[in-house]
C-alpha atoms as a PDB file:
ATOM      1  CA  UNK A   1       0.000   0.000   0.000  1.00  0.00           C
ATOM      2  CA  UNK A   2       2.831   2.398   0.814  1.00  0.00           C
ATOM      3  CA  UNK A   3       4.098   1.958  -2.759  1.00  0.00           C
ATOM      4  CA  UNK A   4       0.723   2.368  -4.458  1.00  0.00           C
ATOM      5  CA  UNK A   5       0.398   4.895  -7.245  1.00  0.00           C
ATOM      6  CA  UNK A   6      -2.336   7.391  -8.034  1.00  0.00           C
ATOM      7  CA  UNK A   7      -4.225   4.996 -10.311  1.00  0.00           C
ATOM      8  CA  UNK A   8      -4.217   2.204  -7.708  1.00  0.00           C
ATOM      9  CA  UNK A   9      -5.473   4.507  -4.944  1.00  0.00           C
ATOM     10  CA  UNK A  10      -8.133   6.090  -7.184  1.00  0.00           C
ATOM     11  CA  UNK A  11      -9.577   2.619  -7.688  1.00  0.00           C
ATOM     12  CA  UNK A  12     -10.564   2.430  -4.033  1.00  0.00           C
ATOM     13  CA  UNK A  13     -14.292   3.226  -3.589  1.00  0.00           C
ATOM     14  CA  UNK A  14     -14.839   6.726  -2.188  1.00  0.00           C
ATOM     15  CA  UNK A  15     -11.446   8.103  -3.229  1.00  0.00           C
ATOM     16  CA  UNK A  16     -11.428  10.474  -6.195  1.00  0.00           C
ATOM     17  CA  UNK A  17      -8.587  11.352  -8.547  1.00  0.00           C
ATOM     18  CA  UNK A  18      -7.514  14.488  -6.689  1.00  0.00           C
ATOM     19  CA  UNK A  19      -7.412  12.818  -3.268  1.00  0.00           C
ATOM     20  CA  UNK A  20      -5.636   9.809  -4.755  1.00  0.00           C
ATOM     21  CA  UNK A  21      -2.915  12.088  -6.136  1.00  0.00           C
ATOM     22  CA  UNK A  22      -2.510  13.804  -2.756  1.00  0.00           C
ATOM     23  CA  UNK A  23      -2.154  10.440  -0.989  1.00  0.00           C
ATOM     24  CA  UNK A  24       0.304   9.116  -3.566  1.00  0.00           C
ATOM     25  CA  UNK A  25       2.482  12.201  -3.259  1.00  0.00           C
ATOM     26  CA  UNK A  26       2.420  11.871   0.523  1.00  0.00           C
ATOM     27  CA  UNK A  27       3.506   8.238   0.360  1.00  0.00           C
ATOM     28  CA  UNK A  28       6.395   9.069  -1.971  1.00  0.00           C
ATOM     29  CA  UNK A  29       8.112  10.923   0.875  1.00  0.00           C
ATOM     30  CA  UNK A  30       9.826   8.413   3.229  1.00  0.00           C
ATOM     31  CA  UNK A  31       9.744  10.923   6.079  1.00  0.00           C
ATOM     32  CA  UNK A  32       5.991  11.239   5.770  1.00  0.00           C
ATOM     33  CA  UNK A  33       5.546   7.475   5.755  1.00  0.00           C
ATOM     34  CA  UNK A  34       7.750   7.036   8.816  1.00  0.00           C
ATOM     35  CA  UNK A  35       5.852   9.731  10.736  1.00  0.00           C
ATOM     36  CA  UNK A  36       2.493   8.234   9.740  1.00  0.00           C
ATOM     37  CA  UNK A  37       3.563   4.749  10.829  1.00  0.00           C
ATOM     38  CA  UNK A  38       4.792   5.963  14.214  1.00  0.00           C
ATOM     39  CA  UNK A  39       1.599   7.987  14.771  1.00  0.00           C
ATOM     40  CA  UNK A  40      -0.565   4.969  13.934  1.00  0.00           C
ATOM     41  CA  UNK A  41       1.471   2.715  16.215  1.00  0.00           C
ATOM     42  CA  UNK A  42       1.047   5.238  19.038  1.00  0.00           C
ATOM     43  CA  UNK A  43      -2.726   5.264  18.547  1.00  0.00           C
ATOM     44  CA  UNK A  44      -2.872   1.478  18.618  1.00  0.00           C
ATOM     45  CA  UNK A  45      -0.781   1.427  21.807  1.00  0.00           C
ATOM     46  CA  UNK A  46      -3.429   3.566  23.549  1.00  0.00           C
ATOM     47  CA  UNK A  47      -6.299   1.160  22.861  1.00  0.00           C
ATOM     48  CA  UNK A  48      -5.562  -1.018  25.898  1.00  0.00           C
ATOM     49  CA  UNK A  49      -5.072   1.977  28.175  1.00  0.00           C
ATOM     50  CA  UNK A  50      -8.619   3.183  27.533  1.00  0.00           C
ATOM     51  CA  UNK A  51     -10.252  -0.202  27.057  1.00  0.00           C
ATOM     52  CA  UNK A  52     -11.067   0.778  23.494  1.00  0.00           C
ATOM     53  CA  UNK A  53     -11.306  -0.978  20.142  1.00  0.00           C
ATOM     54  CA  UNK A  54     -10.681   0.155  16.582  1.00  0.00           C
ATOM     55  CA  UNK A  55     -13.148  -1.117  13.999  1.00  0.00           C
ATOM     56  CA  UNK A  56     -12.821  -0.541  10.273  1.00  0.00           C
ATOM     57  CA  UNK A  57     -15.535  -0.037   7.696  1.00  0.00           C
ATOM     58  CA  UNK A  58     -15.043  -3.502   6.211  1.00  0.00           C
ATOM     59  CA  UNK A  59     -15.732  -5.298   9.493  1.00  0.00           C
ATOM     60  CA  UNK A  60     -19.177  -6.823  10.202  1.00  0.00           C
ATOM     61  CA  UNK A  61     -19.379  -4.924  13.491  1.00  0.00           C
ATOM     62  CA  UNK A  62     -19.250  -1.527  11.752  1.00  0.00           C
ATOM     63  CA  UNK A  63     -22.648   0.237  12.141  1.00  0.00           C
ATOM     64  CA  UNK A  64     -24.632  -0.761   9.028  1.00  0.00           C
ATOM     65  CA  UNK A  65     -26.497   2.519   8.459  1.00  0.00           C
ATOM     66  CA  UNK A  66     -23.311   4.542   8.831  1.00  0.00           C
ATOM     67  CA  UNK A  67     -21.855   2.741   5.833  1.00  0.00           C
ATOM     68  CA  UNK A  68     -24.631   4.193   3.693  1.00  0.00           C
ATOM     69  CA  UNK A  69     -23.787   7.891   4.097  1.00  0.00           C
ATOM     70  CA  UNK A  70     -21.733   9.567   1.384  1.00  0.00           C
ATOM     71  CA  UNK A  71     -18.648  10.084   3.590  1.00  0.00           C
ATOM     72  CA  UNK A  72     -18.522   7.329   6.223  1.00  0.00           C
ATOM     73  CA  UNK A  73     -15.422   7.301   8.437  1.00  0.00           C
ATOM     74  CA  UNK A  74     -13.042   4.504   7.399  1.00  0.00           C
ATOM     75  CA  UNK A  75     -12.693   3.514  11.061  1.00  0.00           C
ATOM     76  CA  UNK A  76     -14.182   4.224  14.472  1.00  0.00           C
ATOM     77  CA  UNK A  77     -12.689   4.239  17.940  1.00  0.00           C
ATOM     78  CA  UNK A  78     -15.069   2.444  20.304  1.00  0.00           C
ATOM     79  CA  UNK A  79     -15.375   2.263  24.074  1.00  0.00           C
ATOM     80  CA  UNK A  80     -18.186  -0.095  25.008  1.00  0.00           C
ATOM     81  CA  UNK A  81     -20.322  -2.449  22.929  1.00  0.00           C
ATOM     82  CA  UNK A  82     -20.691  -1.510  19.266  1.00  0.00           C
ATOM     83  CA  UNK A  83     -23.605  -3.975  18.968  1.00  0.00           C
ATOM     84  CA  UNK A  84     -25.814  -1.237  20.422  1.00  0.00           C
ATOM     85  CA  UNK A  85     -25.529   0.376  16.982  1.00  0.00           C
ATOM     86  CA  UNK A  86     -27.021  -2.708  15.325  1.00  0.00           C
ATOM     87  CA  UNK A  87     -30.387  -2.205  17.015  1.00  0.00           C
ATOM     88  CA  UNK A  88     -32.729   0.417  15.538  1.00  0.00           C
ATOM     89  CA  UNK A  89     -31.193   3.789  16.483  1.00  0.00           C
ATOM     90  CA  UNK A  90     -32.878   7.156  16.994  1.00  0.00           C
ATOM     91  CA  UNK A  91     -30.757  10.283  17.403  1.00  0.00           C
ATOM     92  CA  UNK A  92     -31.923  12.922  19.860  1.00  0.00           C
ATOM     93  CA  UNK A  93     -30.313  16.367  19.887  1.00  0.00           C
ATOM     94  CA  UNK A  94     -31.211  19.839  21.060  1.00  0.00           C
ATOM     95  CA  UNK A  95     -30.167  22.967  22.868  1.00  0.00           C
ATOM     96  CA  UNK A  96     -27.638  23.081  25.670  1.00  0.00           C
ATOM     97  CA  UNK A  97     -29.988  25.488  27.492  1.00  0.00           C
ATOM     98  CA  UNK A  98     -32.734  22.916  27.892  1.00  0.00           C
ATOM     99  CA  UNK A  99     -35.894  23.955  29.723  1.00  0.00           C
ATOM    100  CA  UNK A 100     -37.899  21.739  32.037  1.00  0.00           C
ATOM    101  CA  UNK A 101     -40.358  21.277  29.187  1.00  0.00           C
ATOM    102  CA  UNK A 102     -37.614  20.016  26.891  1.00  0.00           C
ATOM    103  CA  UNK A 103     -36.243  17.599  29.456  1.00  0.00           C
ATOM    104  CA  UNK A 104     -39.711  16.200  30.170  1.00  0.00           C
ATOM    105  CA  UNK A 105     -40.321  15.776  26.439  1.00  0.00           C
ATOM    106  CA  UNK A 106     -37.090  13.783  26.168  1.00  0.00           C
ATOM    107  CA  UNK A 107     -38.039  11.599  29.133  1.00  0.00           C
ATOM    108  CA  UNK A 108     -41.504  10.987  27.727  1.00  0.00           C
ATOM    109  CA  UNK A 109     -40.480  10.124  24.172  1.00  0.00           C
ATOM    110  CA  UNK A 110     -37.139   8.402  24.784  1.00  0.00           C
ATOM    111  CA  UNK A 111     -38.585   6.291  27.584  1.00  0.00           C
ATOM    112  CA  UNK A 112     -41.084   4.856  25.116  1.00  0.00           C
ATOM    113  CA  UNK A 113     -38.484   4.330  22.392  1.00  0.00           C
ATOM    114  CA  UNK A 114     -36.188   2.461  24.755  1.00  0.00           C
ATOM    115  CA  UNK A 115     -39.072   0.219  25.817  1.00  0.00           C
ATOM    116  CA  UNK A 116     -39.432  -0.732  22.173  1.00  0.00           C
ATOM    117  CA  UNK A 117     -35.785  -1.685  21.761  1.00  0.00           C
ATOM    118  CA  UNK A 118     -34.423   1.504  20.232  1.00  0.00           C
ATOM    119  CA  UNK A 119     -30.877   2.665  20.981  1.00  0.00           C
ATOM    120  CA  UNK A 120     -30.727   6.385  21.751  1.00  0.00           C
ATOM    121  CA  UNK A 121     -27.890   8.282  20.046  1.00  0.00           C
ATOM    122  CA  UNK A 122     -26.661  11.754  20.960  1.00  0.00           C
ATOM    123  CA  UNK A 123     -23.548  13.888  21.395  1.00  0.00           C
ATOM    124  CA  UNK A 124     -22.985  13.984  25.187  1.00  0.00           C
ATOM    125  CA  UNK A 125     -23.488  17.760  25.179  1.00  0.00           C
ATOM    126  CA  UNK A 126     -25.104  19.614  28.054  1.00  0.00           C
ATOM    127  CA  UNK A 127     -28.879  19.973  28.048  1.00  0.00           C
ATOM    128  CA  UNK A 128     -30.979  17.837  25.720  1.00  0.00           C
ATOM    129  CA  UNK A 129     -28.155  15.455  24.781  1.00  0.00           C
ATOM    130  CA  UNK A 130     -27.435  14.568  28.401  1.00  0.00           C
ATOM    131  CA  UNK A 131     -31.148  14.166  29.101  1.00  0.00           C
ATOM    132  CA  UNK A 132     -31.445  11.716  26.191  1.00  0.00           C
ATOM    133  CA  UNK A 133     -28.512   9.587  27.367  1.00  0.00           C
ATOM    134  CA  UNK A 134     -29.712   9.628  30.963  1.00  0.00           C
ATOM    135  CA  UNK A 135     -33.284   8.683  30.054  1.00  0.00           C
ATOM    136  CA  UNK A 136     -32.074   5.689  28.055  1.00  0.00           C
ATOM    137  CA  UNK A 137     -29.907   4.522  30.939  1.00  0.00           C
ATOM    138  CA  UNK A 138     -32.578   5.103  33.596  1.00  0.00           C
ATOM    139  CA  UNK A 139     -34.966   2.971  31.549  1.00  0.00           C
ATOM    140  CA  UNK A 140     -32.451   0.107  31.262  1.00  0.00           C
ATOM    141  CA  UNK A 141     -31.860   0.899  27.601  1.00  0.00           C
ATOM    142  CA  UNK A 142     -28.873   1.279  25.301  1.00  0.00           C
ATOM    143  CA  UNK A 143     -27.326   4.586  24.292  1.00  0.00           C
ATOM    144  CA  UNK A 144     -24.475   5.760  22.067  1.00  0.00           C
ATOM    145  CA  UNK A 145     -22.492   8.985  22.441  1.00  0.00           C
ATOM    146  CA  UNK A 146     -20.537  10.432  19.516  1.00  0.00           C
ATOM    147  CA  UNK A 147     -17.698  12.726  20.564  1.00  0.00           C
ATOM    148  CA  UNK A 148     -16.100  15.566  18.597  1.00  0.00           C
ATOM    149  CA  UNK A 149     -12.757  14.603  20.168  1.00  0.00           C
ATOM    150  CA  UNK A 150     -11.110  11.326  21.041  1.00  0.00           C
ATOM    151  CA  UNK A 151     -12.932   8.687  23.089  1.00  0.00           C
ATOM    152  CA  UNK A 152     -10.305   9.250  25.785  1.00  0.00           C
ATOM    153  CA  UNK A 153     -11.787  12.679  26.523  1.00  0.00           C
ATOM    154  CA  UNK A 154     -15.509  12.863  27.463  1.00  0.00           C
ATOM    155  CA  UNK A 155     -14.978  16.609  27.848  1.00  0.00           C
ATOM    156  CA  UNK A 156     -18.525  17.506  28.917  1.00  0.00           C
ATOM    157  CA  UNK A 157     -18.535  14.955  31.727  1.00  0.00           C
ATOM    158  CA  UNK A 158     -15.082  15.152  33.352  1.00  0.00           C
ATOM    159  CA  UNK A 159     -16.401  13.893  36.706  1.00  0.00           C
ATOM    160  CA  UNK A 160     -17.711  10.719  35.055  1.00  0.00           C
ATOM    161  CA  UNK A 161     -21.319  11.101  36.166  1.00  0.00           C
ATOM    162  CA  UNK A 162     -22.702   9.462  33.047  1.00  0.00           C
ATOM    163  CA  UNK A 163     -20.071   8.345  30.514  1.00  0.00           C
ATOM    164  CA  UNK A 164     -19.013   5.203  32.463  1.00  0.00           C
ATOM    165  CA  UNK A 165     -22.663   4.104  32.429  1.00  0.00           C
ATOM    166  CA  UNK A 166     -22.813   4.701  28.675  1.00  0.00           C
ATOM    167  CA  UNK A 167     -19.812   2.409  28.166  1.00  0.00           C
ATOM    168  CA  UNK A 168     -21.525  -0.271  30.270  1.00  0.00           C
ATOM    169  CA  UNK A 169     -24.846   0.082  28.437  1.00  0.00           C
ATOM    170  CA  UNK A 170     -23.861   1.105  24.939  1.00  0.00           C
ATOM    171  CA  UNK A 171     -20.810   2.812  23.522  1.00  0.00           C
ATOM    172  CA  UNK A 172     -18.816   6.005  23.133  1.00  0.00           C
ATOM    173  CA  UNK A 173     -17.679   6.469  19.520  1.00  0.00           C
ATOM    174  CA  UNK A 174     -15.438   8.841  17.592  1.00  0.00           C
ATOM    175  CA  UNK A 175     -13.539   9.039  14.326  1.00  0.00           C
ATOM    176  CA  UNK A 176     -10.999  11.364  15.981  1.00  0.00           C
ATOM    177  CA  UNK A 177      -7.694  10.066  17.292  1.00  0.00           C
ATOM    178  CA  UNK A 178      -6.805   9.737  20.945  1.00  0.00           C
ATOM    179  CA  UNK A 179      -5.429  12.961  22.472  1.00  0.00           C
ATOM    180  CA  UNK A 180      -6.839  15.053  19.617  1.00  0.00           C
ATOM    181  CA  UNK A 181      -7.686  18.659  20.335  1.00  0.00           C
ATOM    182  CA  UNK A 182     -11.264  19.894  20.314  1.00  0.00           C
ATOM    183  CA  UNK A 183     -11.982  22.516  17.651  1.00  0.00           C
ATOM    184  CA  UNK A 184     -15.217  24.179  16.451  1.00  0.00           C
ATOM    185  CA  UNK A 185     -14.937  22.541  13.011  1.00  0.00           C
ATOM    186  CA  UNK A 186     -15.117  19.062  14.510  1.00  0.00           C
ATOM    187  CA  UNK A 187     -18.645  19.475  15.886  1.00  0.00           C
ATOM    188  CA  UNK A 188     -20.551  19.685  12.577  1.00  0.00           C
ATOM    189  CA  UNK A 189     -18.272  16.930  11.267  1.00  0.00           C
ATOM    190  CA  UNK A 190     -19.335  14.823  14.246  1.00  0.00           C
ATOM    191  CA  UNK A 191     -23.005  15.675  13.727  1.00  0.00           C
ATOM    192  CA  UNK A 192     -23.111  13.865  10.366  1.00  0.00           C
ATOM    193  CA  UNK A 193     -22.289  10.657  12.254  1.00  0.00           C
ATOM    194  CA  UNK A 194     -25.022  11.214  14.845  1.00  0.00           C
ATOM    195  CA  UNK A 195     -27.630  11.439  12.095  1.00  0.00           C
ATOM    196  CA  UNK A 196     -25.984   8.873   9.827  1.00  0.00           C
ATOM    197  CA  UNK A 197     -26.018   6.002  12.314  1.00  0.00           C
ATOM    198  CA  UNK A 198     -29.755   6.360  12.953  1.00  0.00           C
ATOM    199  CA  UNK A 199     -33.042   5.659  11.206  1.00  0.00           C
ATOM    200  CA  UNK A 200     -34.226   9.107  12.245  1.00  0.00           C
ATOM    201  CA  UNK A 201     -33.310  12.225  14.199  1.00  0.00           C
ATOM    202  CA  UNK A 202     -35.458  13.968  16.805  1.00  0.00           C
ATOM    203  CA  UNK A 203     -34.858  17.650  17.545  1.00  0.00           C
ATOM    204  CA  UNK A 204     -35.994  18.766  20.996  1.00  0.00           C
ATOM    205  CA  UNK A 205     -35.662  22.503  21.612  1.00  0.00           C
ATOM    206  CA  UNK A 206     -33.433  24.518  19.292  1.00  0.00           C
ATOM    207  CA  UNK A 207     -33.295  28.173  18.441  1.00  0.00           C
ATOM    208  CA  UNK A 208     -33.319  29.236  14.799  1.00  0.00           C
ATOM    209  CA  UNK A 209     -29.525  29.074  14.542  1.00  0.00           C
ATOM    210  CA  UNK A 210     -28.896  26.141  16.859  1.00  0.00           C
ATOM    211  CA  UNK A 211     -26.289  23.495  16.122  1.00  0.00           C
ATOM    212  CA  UNK A 212     -29.031  20.889  16.226  1.00  0.00           C
ATOM    213  CA  UNK A 213     -30.333  22.234  12.928  1.00  0.00           C
ATOM    214  CA  UNK A 214     -27.014  21.221  11.351  1.00  0.00           C
ATOM    215  CA  UNK A 215     -27.719  17.660  12.455  1.00  0.00           C
ATOM    216  CA  UNK A 216     -31.223  17.937  11.002  1.00  0.00           C
ATOM    217  CA  UNK A 217     -29.751  19.159   7.710  1.00  0.00           C
ATOM    218  CA  UNK A 218     -27.354  16.211   7.595  1.00  0.00           C
ATOM    219  CA  UNK A 219     -30.220  13.825   8.318  1.00  0.00           C
ATOM    220  CA  UNK A 220     -32.240  15.222   5.413  1.00  0.00           C
ATOM    221  CA  UNK A 221     -29.224  14.960   3.085  1.00  0.00           C
ATOM    222  CA  UNK A 222     -28.745  11.350   4.203  1.00  0.00           C
ATOM    223  CA  UNK A 223     -32.375  10.559   3.403  1.00  0.00           C
ATOM    224  CA  UNK A 224     -33.191   9.980   7.070  1.00  0.00           C
ATOM    225  CA  UNK A 225     -36.429  10.960   8.801  1.00  0.00           C
ATOM    226  CA  UNK A 226     -36.432  14.129  10.906  1.00  0.00           C
ATOM    227  CA  UNK A 227     -38.813  14.739  13.805  1.00  0.00           C
ATOM    228  CA  UNK A 228     -39.256  17.769  16.038  1.00  0.00           C
ATOM    229  CA  UNK A 229     -41.052  18.444  19.304  1.00  0.00           C
ATOM    230  CA  UNK A 230     -43.152  21.613  18.991  1.00  0.00           C
ATOM    231  CA  UNK A 231     -42.780  24.305  21.607  1.00  0.00           C
ATOM    232  CA  UNK A 232     -44.181  27.603  22.794  1.00  0.00           C
ATOM    233  CA  UNK A 233     -44.169  30.482  20.318  1.00  0.00           C
ATOM    234  CA  UNK A 234     -42.854  32.633  23.164  1.00  0.00           C
ATOM    235  CA  UNK A 235     -39.769  30.472  23.800  1.00  0.00           C
ATOM    236  CA  UNK A 236     -36.592  31.165  21.827  1.00  0.00           C
ATOM    237  CA  UNK A 237     -35.547  27.551  22.393  1.00  0.00           C
ATOM    238  CA  UNK A 238     -38.497  26.454  20.245  1.00  0.00           C
ATOM    239  CA  UNK A 239     -37.874  28.769  17.297  1.00  0.00           C
ATOM    240  CA  UNK A 240     -35.832  26.233  15.370  1.00  0.00           C
ATOM    241  CA  UNK A 241     -38.044  23.226  16.026  1.00  0.00           C
ATOM    242  CA  UNK A 242     -41.230  25.092  15.189  1.00  0.00           C
ATOM    243  CA  UNK A 243     -39.642  26.357  11.960  1.00  0.00           C
ATOM    244  CA  UNK A 244     -38.635  22.821  10.943  1.00  0.00           C
ATOM    245  CA  UNK A 245     -42.234  21.668  11.366  1.00  0.00           C
ATOM    246  CA  UNK A 246     -43.681  24.743   9.643  1.00  0.00           C
ATOM    247  CA  UNK A 247     -41.445  24.311   6.582  1.00  0.00           C
ATOM    248  CA  UNK A 248     -42.203  20.597   6.358  1.00  0.00           C
ATOM    249  CA  UNK A 249     -38.593  19.641   7.079  1.00  0.00           C
ATOM    250  CA  UNK A 250     -39.580  17.692  10.185  1.00  0.00           C
ATOM    251  CA  UNK A 251     -42.565  15.684  11.309  1.00  0.00           C
ATOM    252  CA  UNK A 252     -44.209  16.720  14.550  1.00  0.00           C
ATOM    253  CA  UNK A 253     -43.511  14.256  17.356  1.00  0.00           C
ATOM    254  CA  UNK A 254     -45.319  14.311  20.691  1.00  0.00           C
ATOM    255  CA  UNK A 255     -44.973  10.633  21.628  1.00  0.00           C
ATOM    256  CA  UNK A 256     -42.683   7.720  20.904  1.00  0.00           C
ATOM    257  CA  UNK A 257     -45.468   6.170  18.870  1.00  0.00           C
ATOM    258  CA  UNK A 258     -45.438   9.129  16.461  1.00  0.00           C
ATOM    259  CA  UNK A 259     -41.867   8.162  15.598  1.00  0.00           C
ATOM    260  CA  UNK A 260     -42.394   4.405  15.632  1.00  0.00           C
ATOM    261  CA  UNK A 261     -45.371   4.658  13.271  1.00  0.00           C
ATOM    262  CA  UNK A 262     -43.174   6.489  10.767  1.00  0.00           C
ATOM    263  CA  UNK A 263     -39.994   4.433  11.079  1.00  0.00           C
ATOM    264  CA  UNK A 264     -41.486   0.995  11.720  1.00  0.00           C
ATOM    265  CA  UNK A 265     -44.936   0.815  10.124  1.00  0.00           C
ATOM    266  CA  UNK A 266     -44.893  -2.980  10.359  1.00  0.00           C
ATOM    267  CA  UNK A 267     -45.435  -4.635  13.761  1.00  0.00           C
ATOM    268  CA  UNK A 268     -42.264  -4.181  15.804  1.00  0.00           C
ATOM    269  CA  UNK A 269     -43.210  -4.609  19.431  1.00  0.00           C
ATOM    270  CA  UNK A 270     -44.360  -1.016  19.771  1.00  0.00           C
ATOM    271  CA  UNK A 271     -47.544  -1.208  17.688  1.00  0.00           C
ATOM    272  CA  UNK A 272     -50.855  -0.684  19.392  1.00  0.00           C
ATOM    273  CA  UNK A 273     -52.213  -3.792  21.026  1.00  0.00           C
ATOM    274  CA  UNK A 274     -55.626  -4.639  19.657  1.00  0.00           C
ATOM    275  CA  UNK A 275     -57.798  -6.545  22.139  1.00  0.00           C
ATOM    276  CA  UNK A 276     -58.829  -9.950  20.816  1.00  0.00           C
ATOM    277  CA  UNK A 277     -62.491 -10.848  20.967  1.00  0.00           C
ATOM    278  CA  UNK A 278     -63.367  -7.627  22.758  1.00  0.00           C
ATOM    279  CA  UNK A 279     -61.210  -8.492  25.758  1.00  0.00           C
ATOM    280  CA  UNK A 280     -59.097  -5.808  27.394  1.00  0.00           C
ATOM    281  CA  UNK A 281     -55.331  -6.351  27.171  1.00  0.00           C
ATOM    282  CA  UNK A 282     -53.516  -7.487  30.290  1.00  0.00           C
ATOM    283  CA  UNK A 283     -52.223  -4.702  32.494  1.00  0.00           C
ATOM    284  CA  UNK A 284     -49.706  -4.627  35.307  1.00  0.00           C
ATOM    285  CA  UNK A 285     -50.626  -3.709  38.915  1.00  0.00           C
ATOM    286  CA  UNK A 286     -48.890  -0.363  38.449  1.00  0.00           C
ATOM    287  CA  UNK A 287     -50.928   0.352  35.322  1.00  0.00           C
ATOM    288  CA  UNK A 288     -54.125  -0.604  37.143  1.00  0.00           C
ATOM    289  CA  UNK A 289     -53.194   1.862  39.888  1.00  0.00           C
ATOM    290  CA  UNK A 290     -52.965   4.592  37.262  1.00  0.00           C
ATOM    291  CA  UNK A 291     -56.189   3.618  35.473  1.00  0.00           C
ATOM    292  CA  UNK A 292     -58.191   3.469  38.711  1.00  0.00           C
ATOM    293  CA  UNK A 293     -57.489   7.156  39.297  1.00  0.00           C
ATOM    294  CA  UNK A 294     -58.417   8.299  35.810  1.00  0.00           C
ATOM    295  CA  UNK A 295     -61.700   9.051  34.060  1.00  0.00           C
ATOM    296  CA  UNK A 296     -62.776  10.373  30.673  1.00  0.00           C
ATOM    297  CA  UNK A 297     -62.113  13.871  31.996  1.00  0.00           C
ATOM    298  CA  UNK A 298     -58.543  14.913  31.035  1.00  0.00           C
ATOM    299  CA  UNK A 299     -56.116  15.061  33.971  1.00  0.00           C
ATOM    300  CA  UNK A 300     -52.707  16.708  34.080  1.00  0.00           C
ATOM    301  CA  UNK A 301     -49.782  14.379  34.686  1.00  0.00           C
ATOM    302  CA  UNK A 302     -48.711  16.280  37.820  1.00  0.00           C
ATOM    303  CA  UNK A 303     -52.133  15.733  39.392  1.00  0.00           C
ATOM    304  CA  UNK A 304     -52.044  12.092  38.434  1.00  0.00           C
ATOM    305  CA  UNK A 305     -48.545  11.747  39.896  1.00  0.00           C
ATOM    306  CA  UNK A 306     -49.776  13.090  43.238  1.00  0.00           C
ATOM    307  CA  UNK A 307     -52.749  10.727  43.333  1.00  0.00           C
ATOM    308  CA  UNK A 308     -50.795   7.621  42.311  1.00  0.00           C
ATOM    309  CA  UNK A 309     -47.672   8.521  44.309  1.00  0.00           C
ATOM    310  CA  UNK A 310     -45.564   7.646  41.257  1.00  0.00           C
ATOM    311  CA  UNK A 311     -42.599   9.713  40.083  1.00  0.00           C
ATOM    312  CA  UNK A 312     -43.633  11.665  36.926  1.00  0.00           C
ATOM    313  CA  UNK A 313     -40.839  10.188  34.784  1.00  0.00           C
ATOM    314  CA  UNK A 314     -41.923   6.641  35.665  1.00  0.00           C
ATOM    315  CA  UNK A 315     -45.584   7.593  35.372  1.00  0.00           C
ATOM    316  CA  UNK A 316     -44.981   8.676  31.768  1.00  0.00           C
ATOM    317  CA  UNK A 317     -43.735   5.184  30.983  1.00  0.00           C
ATOM    318  CA  UNK A 318     -46.890   3.599  32.453  1.00  0.00           C
ATOM    319  CA  UNK A 319     -49.077   6.070  30.575  1.00  0.00           C
ATOM    320  CA  UNK A 320     -47.265   5.313  27.363  1.00  0.00           C
ATOM    321  CA  UNK A 321     -47.843   1.592  27.820  1.00  0.00           C
ATOM    322  CA  UNK A 322     -51.524   2.212  28.535  1.00  0.00           C
ATOM    323  CA  UNK A 323     -51.752   4.388  25.448  1.00  0.00           C
ATOM    324  CA  UNK A 324     -50.337   1.555  23.358  1.00  0.00           C
ATOM    325  CA  UNK A 325     -53.057  -0.707  24.779  1.00  0.00           C
ATOM    326  CA  UNK A 326     -55.749   1.780  23.707  1.00  0.00           C
ATOM    327  CA  UNK A 327     -56.742   2.420  27.335  1.00  0.00           C
ATOM    328  CA  UNK A 328     -55.457   5.988  27.672  1.00  0.00           C
ATOM    329  CA  UNK A 329     -55.339   8.977  25.360  1.00  0.00           C
ATOM    330  CA  UNK A 330     -52.785  11.775  25.597  1.00  0.00           C
ATOM    331  CA  UNK A 331     -53.936  15.315  24.856  1.00  0.00           C
ATOM    332  CA  UNK A 332     -51.956  18.559  24.456  1.00  0.00           C
ATOM    333  CA  UNK A 333     -50.359  20.030  27.574  1.00  0.00           C
ATOM    334  CA  UNK A 334     -49.500  16.656  29.156  1.00  0.00           C
ATOM    335  CA  UNK A 335     -53.172  15.962  29.786  1.00  0.00           C
ATOM    336  CA  UNK A 336     -54.383  12.354  29.848  1.00  0.00           C
ATOM    337  CA  UNK A 337     -57.813  10.743  29.911  1.00  0.00           C
ATOM    338  CA  UNK A 338     -59.103   7.193  30.193  1.00  0.00           C
ATOM    339  CA  UNK A 339     -60.777   5.730  27.103  1.00  0.00           C
END
């Protein structure tokens, strides 16, 4: 390979004539080759230190959807279990200045997606990203974090409050080398991987110039589905999401089922359960506790949480399950009624 010419290199899929010439000229300089070899050997020597793996695009473990984008990385550094990327993935991104509304929306939707076997993908940024990772973990699900730097540096979580759990229940991925410096240009580059690995991308809270819209743009270019949670017209953190919906660039998503119905129209474990022979579907004791305190008059989730003595985040999961069983209907403003 080190002696390959321009024509040989240009024959490799994804490498054009100009890039092939640049690579060939680089390889013709022995000093360049020696430096490249030593740098690669140093990277490989760091794998054991960080408990990481290096997977290449021609390996079966490489994320299948990521191979389909126009510029997939030739390799990925991995800490954790890359198999989490072989389940259906849904990317969730949004503002770093997440409101309580945004965080609750993430908990509500991601909790339902995880229950259906989806892996939640995000960028380990403050705000919505962290909420998405945490919700997946708190619901015993899988999650993947793509970093704009090396996998040795979870820069937004230096105290290790969440990234060790991600490694245990998913993976941290990056195309950047160990010990690489963080730069602004690496974030949009990273965002194409967040959208590319997933069947769809959900935007939760973004202003009209938010970085999350870059991820949405990549998703559209990659022929992936884009979803957005609508927000108040008076909130600047909803300007971007509302605009995506208004322009038809994103589908409105208020529940996990809105996303599942679009991505997995065939039965997939999250379709509505239709009672057979007029019988009501089986419910758990916790779900019965919730149903017993509901009527056909809409009730806010906070009121229901007080009456059932169930934490709101867990209550949303029970309500979602009941909604799938056609026993509960969600209405705007986190209002729920019994059917």
